[in-house]
Amino acid sequence: MKKLPREVYFFVVLWVLFVPFLALYFVLQIVYVNRAHIDPATVANLAFLWPVVAIAGLSMLLLVELAAYSKFKMGFFSAWFELFFISIGK
């Protein structure tokens, strides 16, 4: 994993650091709602589901970075940056 480009390595570390804790936080929220006998209809909004949205966003970024690395041997944003400046220079 240390041989990954910095950009890809950053997103891998970001995913590993945040996603398990976000998932645990979401599960603990569900357990709290069940144990406190709170009506789930009162908490079923974005304030309750933001960990799921964050996990989905981080997972999509990670998959895009890994897919770009497997295809171009560089990160997704670096590949677009290079493509933009190569096409501008021509």
C-alpha atoms as a PDB file:
ATOM      1  CA  MET A   1       0.000   0.000   0.000  1.00  0.00           C
ATOM      2  CA  LYS A   2       2.937   2.359   0.498  1.00  0.00           C
ATOM      3  CA  LYS A   3       3.644   2.193  -3.262  1.00  0.00           C
ATOM      4  CA  LEU A   4       0.384   3.958  -4.088  1.00  0.00           C
ATOM      5  CA  PRO A   5       0.566   7.559  -5.301  1.00  0.00           C
ATOM      6  CA  ARG A   6      -0.023  10.141  -2.580  1.00  0.00           C
ATOM      7  CA  GLU A   7      -3.497  11.022  -3.790  1.00  0.00           C
ATOM      8  CA  VAL A   8      -4.712   7.414  -3.807  1.00  0.00           C
ATOM      9  CA  TYR A   9      -2.999   6.709  -0.481  1.00  0.00           C
ATOM     10  CA  PHE A  10      -4.769   9.749   1.022  1.00  0.00           C
ATOM     11  CA  PHE A  11      -8.209   8.451   0.055  1.00  0.00           C
ATOM     12  CA  VAL A  12      -7.423   4.931   1.291  1.00  0.00           C
ATOM     13  CA  VAL A  13      -6.313   6.285   4.668  1.00  0.00           C
ATOM     14  CA  LEU A  14      -9.286   8.659   4.795  1.00  0.00           C
ATOM     15  CA  TRP A  15     -11.678   5.774   4.182  1.00  0.00           C
ATOM     16  CA  VAL A  16      -9.998   3.509   6.732  1.00  0.00           C
ATOM     17  CA  LEU A  17     -10.011   6.226   9.400  1.00  0.00           C
ATOM     18  CA  PHE A  18     -13.588   7.457   9.047  1.00  0.00           C
ATOM     19  CA  VAL A  19     -15.864   4.753   7.645  1.00  0.00           C
ATOM     20  CA  PRO A  20     -15.656   2.225  10.523  1.00  0.00           C
ATOM     21  CA  PHE A  21     -16.376   4.930  13.102  1.00  0.00           C
ATOM     22  CA  LEU A  22     -19.245   6.365  11.070  1.00  0.00           C
ATOM     23  CA  ALA A  23     -20.762   2.898  10.718  1.00  0.00           C
ATOM     24  CA  LEU A  24     -20.379   2.271  14.448  1.00  0.00           C
ATOM     25  CA  TYR A  25     -21.944   5.655  15.240  1.00  0.00           C
ATOM     26  CA  PHE A  26     -24.913   4.873  12.988  1.00  0.00           C
ATOM     27  CA  VAL A  27     -25.436   1.448  14.563  1.00  0.00           C
ATOM     28  CA  LEU A  28     -25.226   2.948  18.043  1.00  0.00           C
ATOM     29  CA  GLN A  29     -27.821   5.553  17.046  1.00  0.00           C
ATOM     30  CA  ILE A  30     -30.178   2.772  15.968  1.00  0.00           C
ATOM     31  CA  VAL A  31     -29.592   0.886  19.217  1.00  0.00           C
ATOM     32  CA  TYR A  32     -30.240   4.062  21.229  1.00  0.00           C
ATOM     33  CA  VAL A  33     -33.501   4.721  19.386  1.00  0.00           C
ATOM     34  CA  ASN A  34     -34.651   1.141  20.031  1.00  0.00           C
ATOM     35  CA  ARG A  35     -33.677   1.102  23.715  1.00  0.00           C
ATOM     36  CA  ALA A  36     -35.119   4.538  24.465  1.00  0.00           C
ATOM     37  CA  HIS A  37     -38.407   3.579  22.765  1.00  0.00           C
ATOM     38  CA  ILE A  38     -38.234   6.598  20.481  1.00  0.00           C
ATOM     39  CA  ASP A  39     -40.565   6.557  17.496  1.00  0.00           C
ATOM     40  CA  PRO A  40     -38.312   5.991  14.432  1.00  0.00           C
ATOM     41  CA  ALA A  41     -40.568   8.235  12.346  1.00  0.00           C
ATOM     42  CA  THR A  42     -39.440  11.234  14.388  1.00  0.00           C
ATOM     43  CA  VAL A  43     -35.737  10.674  13.680  1.00  0.00           C
ATOM     44  CA  ALA A  44     -35.841   9.335  10.119  1.00  0.00           C
ATOM     45  CA  ASN A  45     -34.380  12.378   8.393  1.00  0.00           C
ATOM     46  CA  LEU A  46     -31.014  13.608   7.162  1.00  0.00           C
ATOM     47  CA  ALA A  47     -29.842  14.423  10.684  1.00  0.00           C
ATOM     48  CA  PHE A  48     -30.149  10.730  11.492  1.00  0.00           C
ATOM     49  CA  LEU A  49     -28.881   9.329   8.189  1.00  0.00           C
ATOM     50  CA  TRP A  50     -25.837  11.581   7.611  1.00  0.00           C
ATOM     51  CA  PRO A  51     -23.362   8.797   8.508  1.00  0.00           C
ATOM     52  CA  VAL A  52     -24.807   6.660   5.711  1.00  0.00           C
ATOM     53  CA  VAL A  53     -24.453   9.527   3.240  1.00  0.00           C
ATOM     54  CA  ALA A  54     -20.871  10.156   4.389  1.00  0.00           C
ATOM     55  CA  ILE A  55     -19.982   6.458   4.085  1.00  0.00           C
ATOM     56  CA  ALA A  56     -21.469   6.330   0.573  1.00  0.00           C
ATOM     57  CA  GLY A  57     -19.576   9.457  -0.497  1.00  0.00           C
ATOM     58  CA  LEU A  58     -16.253   8.275   0.904  1.00  0.00           C
ATOM     59  CA  SER A  59     -16.744   4.831  -0.640  1.00  0.00           C
ATOM     60  CA  MET A  60     -17.476   6.331  -4.060  1.00  0.00           C
ATOM     61  CA  LEU A  61     -14.375   8.523  -3.852  1.00  0.00           C
ATOM     62  CA  LEU A  62     -12.277   5.519  -2.847  1.00  0.00           C
ATOM     63  CA  LEU A  63     -13.620   3.385  -5.689  1.00  0.00           C
ATOM     64  CA  VAL A  64     -13.049   6.153  -8.244  1.00  0.00           C
ATOM     65  CA  GLU A  65      -9.482   6.640  -7.022  1.00  0.00           C
ATOM     66  CA  LEU A  66      -8.699   2.917  -7.074  1.00  0.00           C
ATOM     67  CA  ALA A  67     -10.273   2.477 -10.503  1.00  0.00           C
ATOM     68  CA  ALA A  68      -8.254   5.386 -11.902  1.00  0.00           C
ATOM     69  CA  TYR A  69      -5.108   4.000 -10.327  1.00  0.00           C
ATOM     70  CA  SER A  70      -5.653   0.572 -11.850  1.00  0.00           C
ATOM     71  CA  LYS A  71      -6.225   2.127 -15.296  1.00  0.00           C
ATOM     72  CA  PHE A  72      -3.827   5.101 -15.393  1.00  0.00           C
ATOM     73  CA  LYS A  73      -1.395   4.387 -12.509  1.00  0.00           C
ATOM     74  CA  MET A  74      -2.279   7.772 -10.991  1.00  0.00           C
ATOM     75  CA  GLY A  75      -5.148   9.217  -8.988  1.00  0.00           C
ATOM     76  CA  PHE A  76      -8.458  10.275 -10.493  1.00  0.00           C
ATOM     77  CA  PHE A  77      -8.047  13.985  -9.872  1.00  0.00           C
ATOM     78  CA  SER A  78      -4.421  13.913 -11.026  1.00  0.00           C
ATOM     79  CA  ALA A  79      -5.484  12.171 -14.231  1.00  0.00           C
ATOM     80  CA  TRP A  80      -8.113  14.826 -14.965  1.00  0.00           C
ATOM     81  CA  PHE A  81      -5.682  17.597 -14.102  1.00  0.00           C
ATOM     82  CA  GLU A  82      -3.099  16.166 -16.483  1.00  0.00           C
ATOM     83  CA  LEU A  83      -5.687  15.599 -19.209  1.00  0.00           C
ATOM     84  CA  PHE A  84      -6.907  19.188 -18.872  1.00  0.00           C
ATOM     85  CA  PHE A  85      -3.458  20.728 -19.149  1.00  0.00           C
ATOM     86  CA  ILE A  86      -2.336  18.416 -21.966  1.00  0.00           C
ATOM     87  CA  SER A  87      -5.463  19.277 -23.961  1.00  0.00           C
ATOM     88  CA  ILE A  88      -4.981  22.996 -23.242  1.00  0.00           C
ATOM     89  CA  GLY A  89      -1.383  22.864 -24.452  1.00  0.00           C
ATOM     90  CA  LYS A  90      -2.284  21.387 -27.842  1.00  0.00           C
END
